[in-house]
Amino acid sequence: ALAKFTADGAQQRQLSQSFRFGPAIAAAANAWLYVVGTDMRLKG
């Protein structure tokens, strides 16, 4: 639904500061975010 509303002209913001884990796991997650093709990168 996020993609649908974005296509309809909704404004966009993001939350990238994770409170669940530290930088090491964030780096592992970011490797997959790169493959997924999103601009999001998590901060541990």
PDB file of all heavy atoms in Angstrom:
ATOM      1  N   ALA A   1       0.821  -1.205   0.000  1.00  0.00           N
ATOM      2  CA  ALA A   1       0.000   0.000   0.000  1.00  0.00           C
ATOM      3  C   ALA A   1       0.853   1.252   0.000  1.00  0.00           C
ATOM      4  O   ALA A   1       0.421   2.303  -0.504  1.00  0.00           O
ATOM      5  CB  ALA A   1      -0.929  -0.010   1.215  1.00  0.00           C
ATOM      6  N   LEU A   2       2.074   1.171   0.552  1.00  0.00           N
ATOM      7  CA  LEU A   2       2.945   2.340   0.552  1.00  0.00           C
ATOM      8  C   LEU A   2       3.266   2.767  -0.879  1.00  0.00           C
ATOM      9  O   LEU A   2       3.259   3.962  -1.209  1.00  0.00           O
ATOM     10  CB  LEU A   2       4.242   2.056   1.321  1.00  0.00           C
ATOM     11  CG  LEU A   2       4.104   1.819   2.829  1.00  0.00           C
ATOM     12  CD1 LEU A   2       4.049   0.333   3.131  1.00  0.00           C
ATOM     13  CD2 LEU A   2       5.244   2.456   3.587  1.00  0.00           C
ATOM     14  N   ALA A   3       3.545   1.776  -1.744  1.00  0.00           N
ATOM     15  CA  ALA A   3       3.839   2.086  -3.140  1.00  0.00           C
ATOM     16  C   ALA A   3       2.619   2.672  -3.833  1.00  0.00           C
ATOM     17  O   ALA A   3       2.732   3.600  -4.656  1.00  0.00           O
ATOM     18  CB  ALA A   3       4.312   0.827  -3.862  1.00  0.00           C
ATOM     19  N   LYS A   4       1.431   2.170  -3.502  1.00  0.00           N
ATOM     20  CA  LYS A   4       0.208   2.670  -4.142  1.00  0.00           C
ATOM     21  C   LYS A   4      -0.054   4.122  -3.774  1.00  0.00           C
ATOM     22  O   LYS A   4      -0.397   4.952  -4.626  1.00  0.00           O
ATOM     23  CB  LYS A   4      -0.982   1.796  -3.751  1.00  0.00           C
ATOM     24  CG  LYS A   4      -0.956   0.403  -4.364  1.00  0.00           C
ATOM     25  CD  LYS A   4      -2.244  -0.333  -4.082  1.00  0.00           C
ATOM     26  CE  LYS A   4      -2.235  -1.688  -4.796  1.00  0.00           C
ATOM     27  NZ  LYS A   4      -3.508  -2.404  -4.621  1.00  0.00           N
ATOM     28  N   PHE A   5       0.079   4.459  -2.502  1.00  0.00           N
ATOM     29  CA  PHE A   5      -0.176   5.829  -2.082  1.00  0.00           C
ATOM     30  C   PHE A   5       0.923   6.770  -2.559  1.00  0.00           C
ATOM     31  O   PHE A   5       0.659   7.944  -2.849  1.00  0.00           O
ATOM     32  CB  PHE A   5      -0.356   5.897  -0.566  1.00  0.00           C
ATOM     33  CG  PHE A   5      -1.743   5.554  -0.120  1.00  0.00           C
ATOM     34  CD1 PHE A   5      -2.094   4.252   0.175  1.00  0.00           C
ATOM     35  CD2 PHE A   5      -2.720   6.536  -0.026  1.00  0.00           C
ATOM     36  CE1 PHE A   5      -3.383   3.925   0.573  1.00  0.00           C
ATOM     37  CE2 PHE A   5      -4.014   6.227   0.373  1.00  0.00           C
ATOM     38  CZ  PHE A   5      -4.344   4.913   0.669  1.00  0.00           C
ATOM     39  N   THR A   6       2.161   6.265  -2.644  1.00  0.00           N
ATOM     40  CA  THR A   6       3.239   7.077  -3.206  1.00  0.00           C
ATOM     41  C   THR A   6       2.942   7.417  -4.662  1.00  0.00           C
ATOM     42  O   THR A   6       3.105   8.554  -5.108  1.00  0.00           O
ATOM     43  CB  THR A   6       4.578   6.333  -3.099  1.00  0.00           C
ATOM     44  OG1 THR A   6       4.894   6.121  -1.718  1.00  0.00           O
ATOM     45  CG2 THR A   6       5.705   7.135  -3.739  1.00  0.00           C
ATOM     46  N   ALA A   7       2.473   6.417  -5.414  1.00  0.00           N
ATOM     47  CA  ALA A   7       2.127   6.643  -6.820  1.00  0.00           C
ATOM     48  C   ALA A   7       0.982   7.641  -6.960  1.00  0.00           C
ATOM     49  O   ALA A   7       0.888   8.347  -7.972  1.00  0.00           O
ATOM     50  CB  ALA A   7       1.764   5.318  -7.486  1.00  0.00           C
ATOM     51  N   ASP A   8       0.120   7.717  -5.940  1.00  0.00           N
ATOM     52  CA  ASP A   8      -1.006   8.652  -5.975  1.00  0.00           C
ATOM     53  C   ASP A   8      -0.625  10.055  -5.513  1.00  0.00           C
ATOM     54  O   ASP A   8      -1.496  10.930  -5.419  1.00  0.00           O
ATOM     55  CB  ASP A   8      -2.150   8.129  -5.109  1.00  0.00           C
ATOM     56  CG  ASP A   8      -2.848   6.923  -5.732  1.00  0.00           C
ATOM     57  OD1 ASP A   8      -2.671   6.705  -6.956  1.00  0.00           O
ATOM     58  OD2 ASP A   8      -3.543   6.200  -5.002  1.00  0.00           O
ATOM     59  N   GLY A   9       0.666  10.268  -5.194  1.00  0.00           N
ATOM     60  CA  GLY A   9       1.136  11.599  -4.862  1.00  0.00           C
ATOM     61  C   GLY A   9       1.315  11.902  -3.390  1.00  0.00           C
ATOM     62  O   GLY A   9       1.542  13.062  -3.019  1.00  0.00           O
ATOM     63  N   ALA A  10       1.223  10.901  -2.514  1.00  0.00           N
ATOM     64  CA  ALA A  10       1.435  11.147  -1.093  1.00  0.00           C
ATOM     65  C   ALA A  10       2.875  11.593  -0.847  1.00  0.00           C
ATOM     66  O   ALA A  10       3.805  11.154  -1.529  1.00  0.00           O
ATOM     67  CB  ALA A  10       1.133   9.889  -0.289  1.00  0.00           C
ATOM     68  N   GLN A  11       3.069  12.474   0.137  1.00  0.00           N
ATOM     69  CA  GLN A  11       4.425  12.852   0.515  1.00  0.00           C
ATOM     70  C   GLN A  11       5.082  11.705   1.263  1.00  0.00           C
ATOM     71  O   GLN A  11       4.399  10.837   1.821  1.00  0.00           O
ATOM     72  CB  GLN A  11       4.415  14.123   1.354  1.00  0.00           C
ATOM     73  CG  GLN A  11       3.576  14.048   2.621  1.00  0.00           C
ATOM     74  CD  GLN A  11       3.571  15.362   3.381  1.00  0.00           C
ATOM     75  OE1 GLN A  11       4.575  16.068   3.417  1.00  0.00           O
ATOM     76  NE2 GLN A  11       2.444  15.703   3.995  1.00  0.00           N
ATOM     77  N   GLN A  12       6.418  11.671   1.287  1.00  0.00           N
ATOM     78  CA  GLN A  12       7.143  10.544   1.850  1.00  0.00           C
ATOM     79  C   GLN A  12       8.144  11.003   2.908  1.00  0.00           C
ATOM     80  O   GLN A  12       8.803  12.030   2.739  1.00  0.00           O
ATOM     81  CB  GLN A  12       7.907   9.801   0.749  1.00  0.00           C
ATOM     82  CG  GLN A  12       7.041   9.290  -0.385  1.00  0.00           C
ATOM     83  CD  GLN A  12       7.883   8.713  -1.499  1.00  0.00           C
ATOM     84  OE1 GLN A  12       8.556   7.699  -1.335  1.00  0.00           O
ATOM     85  NE2 GLN A  12       7.868   9.370  -2.647  1.00  0.00           N
ATOM     86  N   ARG A  13       8.225  10.217   3.970  1.00  0.00           N
ATOM     87  CA  ARG A  13       9.241  10.403   5.005  1.00  0.00           C
ATOM     88  C   ARG A  13       9.738   9.020   5.411  1.00  0.00           C
ATOM     89  O   ARG A  13       9.116   8.008   5.086  1.00  0.00           O
ATOM     90  CB  ARG A  13       8.680  11.142   6.223  1.00  0.00           C
ATOM     91  CG  ARG A  13       8.240  12.571   5.949  1.00  0.00           C
ATOM     92  CD  ARG A  13       9.404  13.478   5.615  1.00  0.00           C
ATOM     93  NE  ARG A  13       8.983  14.868   5.480  1.00  0.00           N
ATOM     94  CZ  ARG A  13       8.509  15.418   4.368  1.00  0.00           C
ATOM     95  NH1 ARG A  13       8.361  14.662   3.267  1.00  0.00           N
ATOM     96  NH2 ARG A  13       8.153  16.685   4.320  1.00  0.00           N
ATOM     97  N   GLN A  14      10.842   8.956   6.151  1.00  0.00           N
ATOM     98  CA  GLN A  14      11.343   7.645   6.576  1.00  0.00           C
ATOM     99  C   GLN A  14      11.886   7.680   7.997  1.00  0.00           C
ATOM    100  O   GLN A  14      12.262   8.740   8.523  1.00  0.00           O
ATOM    101  CB  GLN A  14      12.420   7.123   5.623  1.00  0.00           C
ATOM    102  CG  GLN A  14      13.754   7.816   5.704  1.00  0.00           C
ATOM    103  CD  GLN A  14      14.807   7.116   4.834  1.00  0.00           C
ATOM    104  OE1 GLN A  14      14.498   6.402   3.901  1.00  0.00           O
ATOM    105  NE2 GLN A  14      16.068   7.335   5.160  1.00  0.00           N
ATOM    106  N   LEU A  15      11.885   6.494   8.619  1.00  0.00           N
ATOM    107  CA  LEU A  15      12.511   6.266   9.925  1.00  0.00           C
ATOM    108  C   LEU A  15      13.590   5.212   9.716  1.00  0.00           C
ATOM    109  O   LEU A  15      13.286   4.087   9.326  1.00  0.00           O
ATOM    110  CB  LEU A  15      11.479   5.760  10.940  1.00  0.00           C
ATOM    111  CG  LEU A  15      10.246   6.632  11.177  1.00  0.00           C
ATOM    112  CD1 LEU A  15       9.273   5.929  12.115  1.00  0.00           C
ATOM    113  CD2 LEU A  15      10.645   7.988  11.748  1.00  0.00           C
ATOM    114  N   SER A  16      14.841   5.557   9.956  1.00  0.00           N
ATOM    115  CA  SER A  16      15.945   4.634   9.690  1.00  0.00           C
ATOM    116  C   SER A  16      16.779   4.297  10.926  1.00  0.00           C
ATOM    117  O   SER A  16      17.661   3.449  10.849  1.00  0.00           O
ATOM    118  CB  SER A  16      16.868   5.216   8.608  1.00  0.00           C
ATOM    119  OG  SER A  16      17.436   6.447   9.046  1.00  0.00           O
ATOM    120  N   GLN A  17      16.486   4.950  12.058  1.00  0.00           N
ATOM    121  CA  GLN A  17      17.224   4.672  13.284  1.00  0.00           C
ATOM    122  C   GLN A  17      16.589   3.489  14.008  1.00  0.00           C
ATOM    123  O   GLN A  17      15.505   3.593  14.565  1.00  0.00           O
ATOM    124  CB  GLN A  17      17.234   5.891  14.208  1.00  0.00           C
ATOM    125  CG  GLN A  17      17.848   5.650  15.585  1.00  0.00           C
ATOM    126  CD  GLN A  17      19.304   5.266  15.521  1.00  0.00           C
ATOM    127  OE1 GLN A  17      20.139   6.078  15.146  1.00  0.00           O
ATOM    128  NE2 GLN A  17      19.634   4.033  15.886  1.00  0.00           N
ATOM    129  N   SER A  18      17.266   2.342  13.964  1.00  0.00           N
ATOM    130  CA  SER A  18      16.727   1.160  14.626  1.00  0.00           C
ATOM    131  C   SER A  18      17.088   1.180  16.103  1.00  0.00           C
ATOM    132  O   SER A  18      18.215   1.529  16.481  1.00  0.00           O
ATOM    133  CB  SER A  18      17.271  -0.113  13.982  1.00  0.00           C
ATOM    134  OG  SER A  18      16.701  -1.255  14.599  1.00  0.00           O
ATOM    135  N   PHE A  19      16.144   0.799  16.931  1.00  0.00           N
ATOM    136  CA  PHE A  19      16.375   0.687  18.376  1.00  0.00           C
ATOM    137  C   PHE A  19      16.450  -0.779  18.807  1.00  0.00           C
ATOM    138  O   PHE A  19      16.604  -1.067  19.989  1.00  0.00           O
ATOM    139  CB  PHE A  19      15.242   1.394  19.134  1.00  0.00           C
ATOM    140  CG  PHE A  19      15.111   2.846  18.784  1.00  0.00           C
ATOM    141  CD1 PHE A  19      14.171   3.273  17.852  1.00  0.00           C
ATOM    142  CD2 PHE A  19      15.944   3.789  19.357  1.00  0.00           C
ATOM    143  CE1 PHE A  19      14.053   4.610  17.508  1.00  0.00           C
ATOM    144  CE2 PHE A  19      15.837   5.138  19.027  1.00  0.00           C
ATOM    145  CZ  PHE A  19      14.895   5.543  18.103  1.00  0.00           C
ATOM    146  N   ARG A  20      16.363  -1.710  17.847  1.00  0.00           N
ATOM    147  CA  ARG A  20      16.337  -3.135  18.155  1.00  0.00           C
ATOM    148  C   ARG A  20      17.737  -3.714  18.283  1.00  0.00           C
ATOM    149  O   ARG A  20      17.982  -4.580  19.112  1.00  0.00           O
ATOM    150  CB  ARG A  20      15.582  -3.897  17.066  1.00  0.00           C
ATOM    151  CG  ARG A  20      15.519  -5.407  17.280  1.00  0.00           C
ATOM    152  CD  ARG A  20      14.705  -6.067  16.188  1.00  0.00           C
ATOM    153  NE  ARG A  20      13.334  -5.573  16.186  1.00  0.00           N
ATOM    154  CZ  ARG A  20      12.487  -5.692  15.177  1.00  0.00           C
ATOM    155  NH1 ARG A  20      12.875  -6.271  14.058  1.00  0.00           N
ATOM    156  NH2 ARG A  20      11.259  -5.223  15.271  1.00  0.00           N
ATOM    157  N   PHE A  21      18.666  -3.277  17.450  1.00  0.00           N
ATOM    158  CA  PHE A  21      20.001  -3.873  17.393  1.00  0.00           C
ATOM    159  C   PHE A  21      21.051  -2.806  17.101  1.00  0.00           C
ATOM    160  O   PHE A  21      20.721  -1.661  16.743  1.00  0.00           O
ATOM    161  CB  PHE A  21      20.057  -4.969  16.321  1.00  0.00           C
ATOM    162  CG  PHE A  21      19.356  -4.623  15.042  1.00  0.00           C
ATOM    163  CD1 PHE A  21      19.847  -3.654  14.168  1.00  0.00           C
ATOM    164  CD2 PHE A  21      18.167  -5.255  14.694  1.00  0.00           C
ATOM    165  CE1 PHE A  21      19.192  -3.325  13.003  1.00  0.00           C
ATOM    166  CE2 PHE A  21      17.500  -4.933  13.512  1.00  0.00           C
ATOM    167  CZ  PHE A  21      18.022  -3.960  12.674  1.00  0.00           C
ATOM    168  N   GLY A  22      22.310  -3.215  17.257  1.00  0.00           N
ATOM    169  CA  GLY A  22      23.421  -2.298  17.068  1.00  0.00           C
ATOM    170  C   GLY A  22      23.933  -2.262  15.634  1.00  0.00           C
ATOM    171  O   GLY A  22      23.365  -2.864  14.725  1.00  0.00           O
ATOM    172  N   PRO A  23      25.057  -1.578  15.410  1.00  0.00           N
ATOM    173  CA  PRO A  23      25.573  -1.359  14.047  1.00  0.00           C
ATOM    174  C   PRO A  23      25.920  -2.641  13.287  1.00  0.00           C
ATOM    175  O   PRO A  23      25.769  -2.693  12.070  1.00  0.00           O
ATOM    176  CB  PRO A  23      26.824  -0.507  14.291  1.00  0.00           C
ATOM    177  CG  PRO A  23      26.550   0.211  15.578  1.00  0.00           C
ATOM    178  CD  PRO A  23      25.786  -0.763  16.414  1.00  0.00           C
ATOM    179  N   ALA A  24      26.390  -3.692  13.967  1.00  0.00           N
ATOM    180  CA  ALA A  24      26.809  -4.899  13.258  1.00  0.00           C
ATOM    181  C   ALA A  24      25.629  -5.567  12.556  1.00  0.00           C
ATOM    182  O   ALA A  24      25.717  -5.942  11.372  1.00  0.00           O
ATOM    183  CB  ALA A  24      27.478  -5.884  14.219  1.00  0.00           C
ATOM    184  N   ILE A  25      24.511  -5.718  13.257  1.00  0.00           N
ATOM    185  CA  ILE A  25      23.339  -6.330  12.637  1.00  0.00           C
ATOM    186  C   ILE A  25      22.720  -5.371  11.616  1.00  0.00           C
ATOM    187  O   ILE A  25      22.215  -5.810  10.573  1.00  0.00           O
ATOM    188  CB  ILE A  25      22.323  -6.768  13.714  1.00  0.00           C
ATOM    189  CG1 ILE A  25      22.934  -7.890  14.569  1.00  0.00           C
ATOM    190  CG2 ILE A  25      21.014  -7.229  13.083  1.00  0.00           C
ATOM    191  CD1 ILE A  25      22.050  -8.366  15.707  1.00  0.00           C
ATOM    192  N   ALA A  26      22.801  -4.079  11.888  1.00  0.00           N
ATOM    193  CA  ALA A  26      22.315  -3.114  10.904  1.00  0.00           C
ATOM    194  C   ALA A  26      23.081  -3.252   9.593  1.00  0.00           C
ATOM    195  O   ALA A  26      22.491  -3.154   8.505  1.00  0.00           O
ATOM    196  CB  ALA A  26      22.442  -1.696  11.451  1.00  0.00           C
ATOM    197  N   ALA A  27      24.384  -3.499   9.680  1.00  0.00           N
ATOM    198  CA  ALA A  27      25.185  -3.666   8.460  1.00  0.00           C
ATOM    199  C   ALA A  27      24.744  -4.900   7.682  1.00  0.00           C
ATOM    200  O   ALA A  27      24.672  -4.888   6.444  1.00  0.00           O
ATOM    201  CB  ALA A  27      26.664  -3.757   8.821  1.00  0.00           C
ATOM    202  N   ALA A  28      24.441  -5.991   8.399  1.00  0.00           N
ATOM    203  CA  ALA A  28      23.948  -7.206   7.735  1.00  0.00           C
ATOM    204  C   ALA A  28      22.608  -6.930   7.060  1.00  0.00           C
ATOM    205  O   ALA A  28      22.346  -7.397   5.943  1.00  0.00           O
ATOM    206  CB  ALA A  28      23.819  -8.340   8.740  1.00  0.00           C
ATOM    207  N   ALA A  29      21.750  -6.179   7.724  1.00  0.00           N
ATOM    208  CA  ALA A  29      20.458  -5.828   7.136  1.00  0.00           C
ATOM    209  C   ALA A  29      20.642  -4.940   5.904  1.00  0.00           C
ATOM    210  O   ALA A  29      19.950  -5.110   4.893  1.00  0.00           O
ATOM    211  CB  ALA A  29      19.591  -5.119   8.174  1.00  0.00           C
ATOM    212  N   ASN A  30      21.581  -4.013   5.974  1.00  0.00           N
ATOM    213  CA  ASN A  30      21.785  -3.089   4.857  1.00  0.00           C
ATOM    214  C   ASN A  30      22.295  -3.792   3.609  1.00  0.00           C
ATOM    215  O   ASN A  30      22.026  -3.346   2.482  1.00  0.00           O
ATOM    216  CB  ASN A  30      22.747  -1.975   5.271  1.00  0.00           C
ATOM    217  CG  ASN A  30      22.099  -0.980   6.225  1.00  0.00           C
ATOM    218  OD1 ASN A  30      20.875  -0.850   6.260  1.00  0.00           O
ATOM    219  ND2 ASN A  30      22.909  -0.292   7.005  1.00  0.00           N
ATOM    220  N   ALA A  31      23.028  -4.897   3.789  1.00  0.00           N
ATOM    221  CA  ALA A  31      23.467  -5.671   2.622  1.00  0.00           C
ATOM    222  C   ALA A  31      22.258  -6.175   1.850  1.00  0.00           C
ATOM    223  O   ALA A  31      22.256  -6.201   0.607  1.00  0.00           O
ATOM    224  CB  ALA A  31      24.356  -6.835   3.065  1.00  0.00           C
ATOM    225  N   TRP A  32      21.211  -6.570   2.574  1.00  0.00           N
ATOM    226  CA  TRP A  32      19.998  -7.048   1.907  1.00  0.00           C
ATOM    227  C   TRP A  32      19.153  -5.897   1.385  1.00  0.00           C
ATOM    228  O   TRP A  32      18.497  -6.027   0.339  1.00  0.00           O
ATOM    229  CB  TRP A  32      19.200  -7.938   2.860  1.00  0.00           C
ATOM    230  CG  TRP A  32      19.846  -9.275   2.987  1.00  0.00           C
ATOM    231  CD1 TRP A  32      20.582  -9.749   4.021  1.00  0.00           C
ATOM    232  CD2 TRP A  32      19.876 -10.291   1.977  1.00  0.00           C
ATOM    233  NE1 TRP A  32      21.061 -10.996   3.737  1.00  0.00           N
ATOM    234  CE2 TRP A  32      20.643 -11.356   2.487  1.00  0.00           C
ATOM    235  CE3 TRP A  32      19.331 -10.394   0.713  1.00  0.00           C
ATOM    236  CZ2 TRP A  32      20.867 -12.515   1.773  1.00  0.00           C
ATOM    237  CZ3 TRP A  32      19.549 -11.537  -0.024  1.00  0.00           C
ATOM    238  CH2 TRP A  32      20.316 -12.599   0.508  1.00  0.00           C
ATOM    239  N   LEU A  33      19.158  -4.770   2.074  1.00  0.00           N
ATOM    240  CA  LEU A  33      18.430  -3.615   1.558  1.00  0.00           C
ATOM    241  C   LEU A  33      19.017  -3.153   0.224  1.00  0.00           C
ATOM    242  O   LEU A  33      18.289  -2.700  -0.667  1.00  0.00           O
ATOM    243  CB  LEU A  33      18.464  -2.468   2.581  1.00  0.00           C
ATOM    244  CG  LEU A  33      17.605  -2.681   3.830  1.00  0.00           C
ATOM    245  CD1 LEU A  33      17.826  -1.555   4.821  1.00  0.00           C
ATOM    246  CD2 LEU A  33      16.130  -2.777   3.467  1.00  0.00           C
ATOM    247  N   TYR A  34      20.327  -3.281   0.084  1.00  0.00           N
ATOM    248  CA  TYR A  34      20.964  -2.956  -1.191  1.00  0.00           C
ATOM    249  C   TYR A  34      20.448  -3.879  -2.295  1.00  0.00           C
ATOM    250  O   TYR A  34      20.129  -3.439  -3.408  1.00  0.00           O
ATOM    251  CB  TYR A  34      22.480  -3.079  -1.056  1.00  0.00           C
ATOM    252  CG  TYR A  34      23.226  -2.901  -2.365  1.00  0.00           C
ATOM    253  CD1 TYR A  34      23.457  -1.635  -2.891  1.00  0.00           C
ATOM    254  CD2 TYR A  34      23.675  -4.007  -3.085  1.00  0.00           C
ATOM    255  CE1 TYR A  34      24.126  -1.471  -4.095  1.00  0.00           C
ATOM    256  CE2 TYR A  34      24.336  -3.865  -4.288  1.00  0.00           C
ATOM    257  CZ  TYR A  34      24.566  -2.589  -4.791  1.00  0.00           C
ATOM    258  OH  TYR A  34      25.222  -2.441  -5.987  1.00  0.00           O
ATOM    259  N   VAL A  35      20.343  -5.184  -1.975  1.00  0.00           N
ATOM    260  CA  VAL A  35      19.848  -6.145  -2.969  1.00  0.00           C
ATOM    261  C   VAL A  35      18.381  -5.883  -3.286  1.00  0.00           C
ATOM    262  O   VAL A  35      17.958  -5.945  -4.451  1.00  0.00           O
ATOM    263  CB  VAL A  35      20.050  -7.591  -2.462  1.00  0.00           C
ATOM    264  CG1 VAL A  35      19.403  -8.590  -3.412  1.00  0.00           C
ATOM    265  CG2 VAL A  35      21.535  -7.896  -2.301  1.00  0.00           C
ATOM    266  N   VAL A  36      17.589  -5.577  -2.273  1.00  0.00           N
ATOM    267  CA  VAL A  36      16.172  -5.287  -2.487  1.00  0.00           C
ATOM    268  C   VAL A  36      15.993  -4.104  -3.433  1.00  0.00           C
ATOM    269  O   VAL A  36      15.065  -4.054  -4.226  1.00  0.00           O
ATOM    270  CB  VAL A  36      15.467  -5.028  -1.139  1.00  0.00           C
ATOM    271  CG1 VAL A  36      14.070  -4.452  -1.346  1.00  0.00           C
ATOM    272  CG2 VAL A  36      15.383  -6.310  -0.326  1.00  0.00           C
ATOM    273  N   GLY A  37      16.920  -3.149  -3.340  1.00  0.00           N
ATOM    274  CA  GLY A  37      16.860  -2.007  -4.243  1.00  0.00           C
ATOM    275  C   GLY A  37      16.214  -0.772  -3.654  1.00  0.00           C
ATOM    276  O   GLY A  37      15.797   0.127  -4.384  1.00  0.00           O
ATOM    277  N   THR A  38      16.146  -0.695  -2.341  1.00  0.00           N
ATOM    278  CA  THR A  38      15.578   0.475  -1.682  1.00  0.00           C
ATOM    279  C   THR A  38      16.677   1.462  -1.288  1.00  0.00           C
ATOM    280  O   THR A  38      17.838   1.075  -1.114  1.00  0.00           O
ATOM    281  CB  THR A  38      14.803   0.050  -0.425  1.00  0.00           C
ATOM    282  OG1 THR A  38      14.299   1.209   0.239  1.00  0.00           O
ATOM    283  CG2 THR A  38      15.692  -0.707   0.546  1.00  0.00           C
ATOM    284  N   ASP A  39      16.301   2.717  -1.126  1.00  0.00           N
ATOM    285  CA  ASP A  39      17.254   3.742  -0.675  1.00  0.00           C
ATOM    286  C   ASP A  39      17.440   3.715   0.842  1.00  0.00           C
ATOM    287  O   ASP A  39      18.362   4.355   1.357  1.00  0.00           O
ATOM    288  CB  ASP A  39      16.766   5.136  -1.093  1.00  0.00           C
ATOM    289  CG  ASP A  39      16.788   5.318  -2.609  1.00  0.00           C
ATOM    290  OD1 ASP A  39      17.603   4.646  -3.261  1.00  0.00           O
ATOM    291  OD2 ASP A  39      15.980   6.120  -3.116  1.00  0.00           O
ATOM    292  N   MET A  40      16.567   3.024   1.544  1.00  0.00           N
ATOM    293  CA  MET A  40      16.653   2.956   3.004  1.00  0.00           C
ATOM    294  C   MET A  40      17.945   2.270   3.441  1.00  0.00           C
ATOM    295  O   MET A  40      18.328   1.238   2.880  1.00  0.00           O
ATOM    296  CB  MET A  40      15.458   2.181   3.564  1.00  0.00           C
ATOM    297  CG  MET A  40      15.536   1.840   5.038  1.00  0.00           C
ATOM    298  SD  MET A  40      15.021   3.169   6.114  1.00  0.00           S
ATOM    299  CE  MET A  40      13.244   3.100   5.914  1.00  0.00           C
ATOM    300  N   ARG A  41      18.630   2.834   4.425  1.00  0.00           N
ATOM    301  CA  ARG A  41      19.753   2.185   5.103  1.00  0.00           C
ATOM    302  C   ARG A  41      19.553   2.372   6.604  1.00  0.00           C
ATOM    303  O   ARG A  41      19.348   3.500   7.069  1.00  0.00           O
ATOM    304  CB  ARG A  41      21.101   2.774   4.669  1.00  0.00           C
ATOM    305  CG  ARG A  41      21.445   2.564   3.205  1.00  0.00           C
ATOM    306  CD  ARG A  41      21.656   1.082   2.870  1.00  0.00           C
ATOM    307  NE  ARG A  41      22.008   0.909   1.462  1.00  0.00           N
ATOM    308  CZ  ARG A  41      21.137   0.712   0.480  1.00  0.00           C
ATOM    309  NH1 ARG A  41      19.827   0.676   0.757  1.00  0.00           N
ATOM    310  NH2 ARG A  41      21.536   0.559  -0.768  1.00  0.00           N
ATOM    311  N   LEU A  42      19.626   1.271   7.354  1.00  0.00           N
ATOM    312  CA  LEU A  42      19.393   1.323   8.784  1.00  0.00           C
ATOM    313  C   LEU A  42      20.621   1.821   9.532  1.00  0.00           C
ATOM    314  O   LEU A  42      21.762   1.510   9.169  1.00  0.00           O
ATOM    315  CB  LEU A  42      19.011  -0.062   9.304  1.00  0.00           C
ATOM    316  CG  LEU A  42      17.742  -0.696   8.741  1.00  0.00           C
ATOM    317  CD1 LEU A  42      17.472  -2.026   9.418  1.00  0.00           C
ATOM    318  CD2 LEU A  42      16.549   0.240   8.898  1.00  0.00           C
ATOM    319  N   LYS A  43      20.369   2.569  10.590  1.00  0.00           N
ATOM    320  CA  LYS A  43      21.423   2.976  11.522  1.00  0.00           C
ATOM    321  C   LYS A  43      21.241   2.164  12.795  1.00  0.00           C
ATOM    322  O   LYS A  43      20.163   2.208  13.417  1.00  0.00           O
ATOM    323  CB  LYS A  43      21.335   4.471  11.800  1.00  0.00           C
ATOM    324  CG  LYS A  43      21.584   5.345  10.579  1.00  0.00           C
ATOM    325  CD  LYS A  43      21.661   6.812  10.938  1.00  0.00           C
ATOM    326  CE  LYS A  43      20.293   7.389  11.261  1.00  0.00           C
ATOM    327  NZ  LYS A  43      19.483   7.616  10.035  1.00  0.00           N
ATOM    328  N   GLY A  44      22.269   1.416  13.191  1.00  0.00           N
ATOM    329  CA  GLY A  44      22.179   0.630  14.410  1.00  0.00           C
ATOM    330  C   GLY A  44      22.231   1.503  15.644  1.00  0.00           C
ATOM    331  O   GLY A  44      22.821   2.594  15.634  1.00  0.00           O
TER     332      GLY A  44
END
